[in-house]
Amino acid sequence: MTRSRGGAVATRVELTRALIAGRTAAHSKQPATVCPHPERTLARAAWIRGYAQVRPIAAA
C-alpha cells in the first residue's frame, strides 16, 4: 500500500487500474480533464501517466 498526500491509501491494484484507465481515455481521444481522481493523489498521477504514455504533450 502507498499513502498519498491526502492521507488516503492506494494499493498497487488501484494504481494499475488508474494507469490503464488513463491509457483507455487517451486511446478514446478524451481530454485529460476527464480524469476522475482528485487532485494531488497517487491515483491521479497514475491516471495521467497512463494518459501521457499514449498521448504525450507536444513539444513547444
PDB file of N, CA and C in Angstrom:
ATOM      1  N   MET A   1       0.833  -1.183   0.000  1.00  0.00           N
ATOM      2  CA  MET A   1       0.000   0.000   0.000  1.00  0.00           C
ATOM      3  C   MET A   1       0.876   1.243   0.000  1.00  0.00           C
ATOM      4  N   THR A   2       0.350   2.278  -0.591  1.00  0.00           N
ATOM      5  CA  THR A   2       1.070   3.533  -0.685  1.00  0.00           C
ATOM      6  C   THR A   2       0.178   4.653  -0.173  1.00  0.00           C
ATOM      7  N   ARG A   3       0.740   5.524   0.643  1.00  0.00           N
ATOM      8  CA  ARG A   3      -0.046   6.629   1.196  1.00  0.00           C
ATOM      9  C   ARG A   3       0.146   7.866   0.318  1.00  0.00           C
ATOM     10  N   SER A   4      -0.966   8.475  -0.080  1.00  0.00           N
ATOM     11  CA  SER A   4      -0.910   9.693  -0.887  1.00  0.00           C
ATOM     12  C   SER A   4      -0.882  10.917   0.023  1.00  0.00           C
ATOM     13  N   ARG A   5      -0.732  12.072  -0.579  1.00  0.00           N
ATOM     14  CA  ARG A   5      -0.668  13.320   0.203  1.00  0.00           C
ATOM     15  C   ARG A   5      -1.921  13.561   1.026  1.00  0.00           C
ATOM     16  N   GLY A   6      -3.072  13.210   0.477  1.00  0.00           N
ATOM     17  CA  GLY A   6      -4.328  13.450   1.167  1.00  0.00           C
ATOM     18  C   GLY A   6      -4.579  12.478   2.310  1.00  0.00           C
ATOM     19  N   GLY A   7      -3.670  11.524   2.505  1.00  0.00           N
ATOM     20  CA  GLY A   7      -3.821  10.584   3.584  1.00  0.00           C
ATOM     21  C   GLY A   7      -4.534   9.306   3.174  1.00  0.00           C
ATOM     22  N   ALA A   8      -5.131   9.293   1.980  1.00  0.00           N
ATOM     23  CA  ALA A   8      -5.807   8.091   1.510  1.00  0.00           C
ATOM     24  C   ALA A   8      -4.763   7.061   1.095  1.00  0.00           C
ATOM     25  N   VAL A   9      -5.105   5.824   1.264  1.00  0.00           N
ATOM     26  CA  VAL A   9      -4.186   4.753   0.914  1.00  0.00           C
ATOM     27  C   VAL A   9      -4.597   4.158  -0.429  1.00  0.00           C
ATOM     28  N   ALA A  10      -3.637   4.024  -1.329  1.00  0.00           N
ATOM     29  CA  ALA A  10      -3.895   3.436  -2.635  1.00  0.00           C
ATOM     30  C   ALA A  10      -3.080   2.158  -2.762  1.00  0.00           C
ATOM     31  N   THR A  11      -3.709   1.092  -3.215  1.00  0.00           N
ATOM     32  CA  THR A  11      -2.996  -0.156  -3.419  1.00  0.00           C
ATOM     33  C   THR A  11      -2.418  -0.184  -4.825  1.00  0.00           C
ATOM     34  N   ARG A  12      -1.527  -1.115  -5.051  1.00  0.00           N
ATOM     35  CA  ARG A  12      -0.947  -1.257  -6.391  1.00  0.00           C
ATOM     36  C   ARG A  12      -2.023  -1.574  -7.413  1.00  0.00           C
ATOM     37  N   VAL A  13      -3.009  -2.342  -7.013  1.00  0.00           N
ATOM     38  CA  VAL A  13      -4.100  -2.685  -7.934  1.00  0.00           C
ATOM     39  C   VAL A  13      -4.850  -1.425  -8.345  1.00  0.00           C
ATOM     40  N   GLU A  14      -5.162  -0.568  -7.396  1.00  0.00           N
ATOM     41  CA  GLU A  14      -5.875   0.685  -7.696  1.00  0.00           C
ATOM     42  C   GLU A  14      -5.032   1.581  -8.601  1.00  0.00           C
ATOM     43  N   LEU A  15      -3.736   1.633  -8.339  1.00  0.00           N
ATOM     44  CA  LEU A  15      -2.865   2.465  -9.167  1.00  0.00           C
ATOM     45  C   LEU A  15      -2.744   1.896 -10.573  1.00  0.00           C
ATOM     46  N   THR A  16      -2.685   0.581 -10.681  1.00  0.00           N
ATOM     47  CA  THR A  16      -2.618  -0.051 -12.003  1.00  0.00           C
ATOM     48  C   THR A  16      -3.907   0.183 -12.771  1.00  0.00           C
ATOM     49  N   ARG A  17      -5.031   0.086 -12.088  1.00  0.00           N
ATOM     50  CA  ARG A  17      -6.325   0.357 -12.744  1.00  0.00           C
ATOM     51  C   ARG A  17      -6.402   1.801 -13.220  1.00  0.00           C
ATOM     52  N   ALA A  18      -5.901   2.722 -12.424  1.00  0.00           N
ATOM     53  CA  ALA A  18      -5.907   4.135 -12.812  1.00  0.00           C
ATOM     54  C   ALA A  18      -5.024   4.349 -14.033  1.00  0.00           C
ATOM     55  N   LEU A  19      -3.865   3.711 -14.067  1.00  0.00           N
ATOM     56  CA  LEU A  19      -2.955   3.824 -15.203  1.00  0.00           C
ATOM     57  C   LEU A  19      -3.617   3.309 -16.478  1.00  0.00           C
ATOM     58  N   ILE A  20      -4.245   2.158 -16.391  1.00  0.00           N
ATOM     59  CA  ILE A  20      -4.926   1.568 -17.547  1.00  0.00           C
ATOM     60  C   ILE A  20      -6.104   2.438 -17.979  1.00  0.00           C
ATOM     61  N   ALA A  21      -6.833   2.995 -17.027  1.00  0.00           N
ATOM     62  CA  ALA A  21      -7.959   3.879 -17.360  1.00  0.00           C
ATOM     63  C   ALA A  21      -7.470   5.134 -18.087  1.00  0.00           C
ATOM     64  N   GLY A  22      -6.322   5.648 -17.682  1.00  0.00           N
ATOM     65  CA  GLY A  22      -5.741   6.805 -18.369  1.00  0.00           C
ATOM     66  C   GLY A  22      -5.373   6.480 -19.801  1.00  0.00           C
ATOM     67  N   ARG A  23      -4.795   5.304 -20.004  1.00  0.00           N
ATOM     68  CA  ARG A  23      -4.455   4.873 -21.370  1.00  0.00           C
ATOM     69  C   ARG A  23      -5.712   4.739 -22.218  1.00  0.00           C
ATOM     70  N   THR A  24      -6.743   4.152 -21.632  1.00  0.00           N
ATOM     71  CA  THR A  24      -8.003   3.957 -22.348  1.00  0.00           C
ATOM     72  C   THR A  24      -8.615   5.301 -22.747  1.00  0.00           C
ATOM     73  N   ALA A  25      -8.590   6.253 -21.838  1.00  0.00           N
ATOM     74  CA  ALA A  25      -9.127   7.586 -22.137  1.00  0.00           C
ATOM     75  C   ALA A  25      -8.348   8.240 -23.277  1.00  0.00           C
ATOM     76  N   ALA A  26      -7.041   8.081 -23.265  1.00  0.00           N
ATOM     77  CA  ALA A  26      -6.219   8.679 -24.329  1.00  0.00           C
ATOM     78  C   ALA A  26      -6.499   8.009 -25.672  1.00  0.00           C
ATOM     79  N   HIS A  27      -6.639   6.683 -25.666  1.00  0.00           N
ATOM     80  CA  HIS A  27      -6.962   5.967 -26.906  1.00  0.00           C
ATOM     81  C   HIS A  27      -8.318   6.401 -27.445  1.00  0.00           C
ATOM     82  N   SER A  28      -9.227   6.753 -26.554  1.00  0.00           N
ATOM     83  CA  SER A  28     -10.566   7.196 -26.949  1.00  0.00           C
ATOM     84  C   SER A  28     -10.604   8.670 -27.329  1.00  0.00           C
ATOM     85  N   LYS A  29      -9.429   9.301 -27.278  1.00  0.00           N
ATOM     86  CA  LYS A  29      -9.272  10.725 -27.622  1.00  0.00           C
ATOM     87  C   LYS A  29     -10.086  11.652 -26.715  1.00  0.00           C
ATOM     88  N   GLN A  30     -10.245  11.251 -25.466  1.00  0.00           N
ATOM     89  CA  GLN A  30     -10.908  12.106 -24.485  1.00  0.00           C
ATOM     90  C   GLN A  30      -9.890  13.112 -23.956  1.00  0.00           C
ATOM     91  N   PRO A  31     -10.329  14.287 -23.535  1.00  0.00           N
ATOM     92  CA  PRO A  31      -9.384  15.259 -22.982  1.00  0.00           C
ATOM     93  C   PRO A  31      -8.868  14.787 -21.623  1.00  0.00           C
ATOM     94  N   ALA A  32      -7.689  15.228 -21.260  1.00  0.00           N
ATOM     95  CA  ALA A  32      -7.089  14.840 -19.976  1.00  0.00           C
ATOM     96  C   ALA A  32      -7.916  15.327 -18.794  1.00  0.00           C
ATOM     97  N   THR A  33      -8.779  16.284 -19.028  1.00  0.00           N
ATOM     98  CA  THR A  33      -9.601  16.838 -17.946  1.00  0.00           C
ATOM     99  C   THR A  33     -10.690  15.881 -17.468  1.00  0.00           C
ATOM    100  N   VAL A  34     -10.868  14.733 -18.126  1.00  0.00           N
ATOM    101  CA  VAL A  34     -11.883  13.777 -17.691  1.00  0.00           C
ATOM    102  C   VAL A  34     -11.386  12.879 -16.561  1.00  0.00           C
ATOM    103  N   CYS A  35     -10.175  13.071 -16.120  1.00  0.00           N
ATOM    104  CA  CYS A  35      -9.622  12.251 -15.042  1.00  0.00           C
ATOM    105  C   CYS A  35     -10.557  12.283 -13.831  1.00  0.00           C
ATOM    106  N   PRO A  36     -10.996  11.114 -13.358  1.00  0.00           N
ATOM    107  CA  PRO A  36     -11.963  11.072 -12.262  1.00  0.00           C
ATOM    108  C   PRO A  36     -11.355  11.161 -10.857  1.00  0.00           C
ATOM    109  N   HIS A  37     -10.050  11.198 -10.763  1.00  0.00           N
ATOM    110  CA  HIS A  37      -9.387  11.165  -9.455  1.00  0.00           C
ATOM    111  C   HIS A  37      -9.135  12.574  -8.923  1.00  0.00           C
ATOM    112  N   PRO A  38      -9.206  12.753  -7.616  1.00  0.00           N
ATOM    113  CA  PRO A  38      -8.968  14.073  -7.019  1.00  0.00           C
ATOM    114  C   PRO A  38      -7.526  14.544  -7.245  1.00  0.00           C
ATOM    115  N   GLU A  39      -7.371  15.852  -7.237  1.00  0.00           N
ATOM    116  CA  GLU A  39      -6.040  16.436  -7.394  1.00  0.00           C
ATOM    117  C   GLU A  39      -5.120  15.994  -6.261  1.00  0.00           C
ATOM    118  N   ARG A  40      -3.843  15.944  -6.570  1.00  0.00           N
ATOM    119  CA  ARG A  40      -2.791  15.617  -5.601  1.00  0.00           C
ATOM    120  C   ARG A  40      -2.951  14.252  -4.955  1.00  0.00           C
ATOM    121  N   THR A  41      -3.386  13.268  -5.751  1.00  0.00           N
ATOM    122  CA  THR A  41      -3.434  11.896  -5.258  1.00  0.00           C
ATOM    123  C   THR A  41      -2.584  11.017  -6.167  1.00  0.00           C
ATOM    124  N   LEU A  42      -2.144   9.908  -5.631  1.00  0.00           N
ATOM    125  CA  LEU A  42      -1.337   8.988  -6.421  1.00  0.00           C
ATOM    126  C   LEU A  42      -2.144   8.380  -7.560  1.00  0.00           C
ATOM    127  N   ALA A  43      -3.432   8.174  -7.339  1.00  0.00           N
ATOM    128  CA  ALA A  43      -4.273   7.612  -8.393  1.00  0.00           C
ATOM    129  C   ALA A  43      -4.351   8.575  -9.576  1.00  0.00           C
ATOM    130  N   ARG A  44      -4.449   9.859  -9.311  1.00  0.00           N
ATOM    131  CA  ARG A  44      -4.474  10.849 -10.395  1.00  0.00           C
ATOM    132  C   ARG A  44      -3.144  10.861 -11.141  1.00  0.00           C
ATOM    133  N   ALA A  45      -2.050  10.778 -10.404  1.00  0.00           N
ATOM    134  CA  ALA A  45      -0.723  10.749 -11.032  1.00  0.00           C
ATOM    135  C   ALA A  45      -0.594   9.516 -11.932  1.00  0.00           C
ATOM    136  N   ALA A  46      -1.090   8.382 -11.472  1.00  0.00           N
ATOM    137  CA  ALA A  46      -1.034   7.163 -12.274  1.00  0.00           C
ATOM    138  C   ALA A  46      -1.910   7.304 -13.517  1.00  0.00           C
ATOM    139  N   TRP A  47      -3.091   7.880 -13.368  1.00  0.00           N
ATOM    140  CA  TRP A  47      -4.004   8.075 -14.497  1.00  0.00           C
ATOM    141  C   TRP A  47      -3.334   8.964 -15.551  1.00  0.00           C
ATOM    142  N   ILE A  48      -2.753  10.053 -15.111  1.00  0.00           N
ATOM    143  CA  ILE A  48      -2.106  10.980 -16.039  1.00  0.00           C
ATOM    144  C   ILE A  48      -0.893  10.325 -16.698  1.00  0.00           C
ATOM    145  N   ARG A  49      -0.164   9.519 -15.946  1.00  0.00           N
ATOM    146  CA  ARG A  49       0.983   8.804 -16.509  1.00  0.00           C
ATOM    147  C   ARG A  49       0.521   7.878 -17.633  1.00  0.00           C
ATOM    148  N   GLY A  50      -0.565   7.154 -17.411  1.00  0.00           N
ATOM    149  CA  GLY A  50      -1.105   6.278 -18.455  1.00  0.00           C
ATOM    150  C   GLY A  50      -1.582   7.066 -19.657  1.00  0.00           C
ATOM    151  N   TYR A  51      -2.216   8.187 -19.409  1.00  0.00           N
ATOM    152  CA  TYR A  51      -2.689   9.055 -20.493  1.00  0.00           C
ATOM    153  C   TYR A  51      -1.514   9.564 -21.323  1.00  0.00           C
ATOM    154  N   ALA A  52      -0.473   9.988 -20.655  1.00  0.00           N
ATOM    155  CA  ALA A  52       0.704  10.550 -21.333  1.00  0.00           C
ATOM    156  C   ALA A  52       1.471   9.495 -22.125  1.00  0.00           C
ATOM    157  N   GLN A  53       1.389   8.242 -21.724  1.00  0.00           N
ATOM    158  CA  GLN A  53       2.064   7.192 -22.476  1.00  0.00           C
ATOM    159  C   GLN A  53       1.484   7.054 -23.870  1.00  0.00           C
ATOM    160  N   VAL A  54       0.202   7.343 -24.014  1.00  0.00           N
ATOM    161  CA  VAL A  54      -0.469   7.226 -25.291  1.00  0.00           C
ATOM    162  C   VAL A  54      -0.457   8.553 -26.057  1.00  0.00           C
ATOM    163  N   ARG A  55      -0.696   9.645 -25.332  1.00  0.00           N
ATOM    164  CA  ARG A  55      -0.769  10.967 -25.968  1.00  0.00           C
ATOM    165  C   ARG A  55       0.176  11.930 -25.274  1.00  0.00           C
ATOM    166  N   PRO A  56       1.462  11.827 -25.561  1.00  0.00           N
ATOM    167  CA  PRO A  56       2.407  12.743 -24.906  1.00  0.00           C
ATOM    168  C   PRO A  56       2.165  14.184 -25.339  1.00  0.00           C
ATOM    169  N   ILE A  57       2.532  15.086 -24.494  1.00  0.00           N
ATOM    170  CA  ILE A  57       2.389  16.517 -24.789  1.00  0.00           C
ATOM    171  C   ILE A  57       3.390  16.896 -25.869  1.00  0.00           C
ATOM    172  N   ALA A  58       2.905  17.605 -26.861  1.00  0.00           N
ATOM    173  CA  ALA A  58       3.773  18.031 -27.960  1.00  0.00           C
ATOM    174  C   ALA A  58       4.775  19.072 -27.476  1.00  0.00           C
ATOM    175  N   ALA A  59       5.971  19.005 -27.998  1.00  0.00           N
ATOM    176  CA  ALA A  59       6.997  19.989 -27.640  1.00  0.00           C
ATOM    177  C   ALA A  59       6.616  21.344 -28.216  1.00  0.00           C
ATOM    178  N   ALA A  60       6.879  22.380 -27.467  1.00  0.00           N
ATOM    179  CA  ALA A  60       6.522  23.738 -27.901  1.00  0.00           C
ATOM    180  C   ALA A  60       7.498  24.276 -28.919  1.00  0.00           C
TER     181      ALA A  60
END
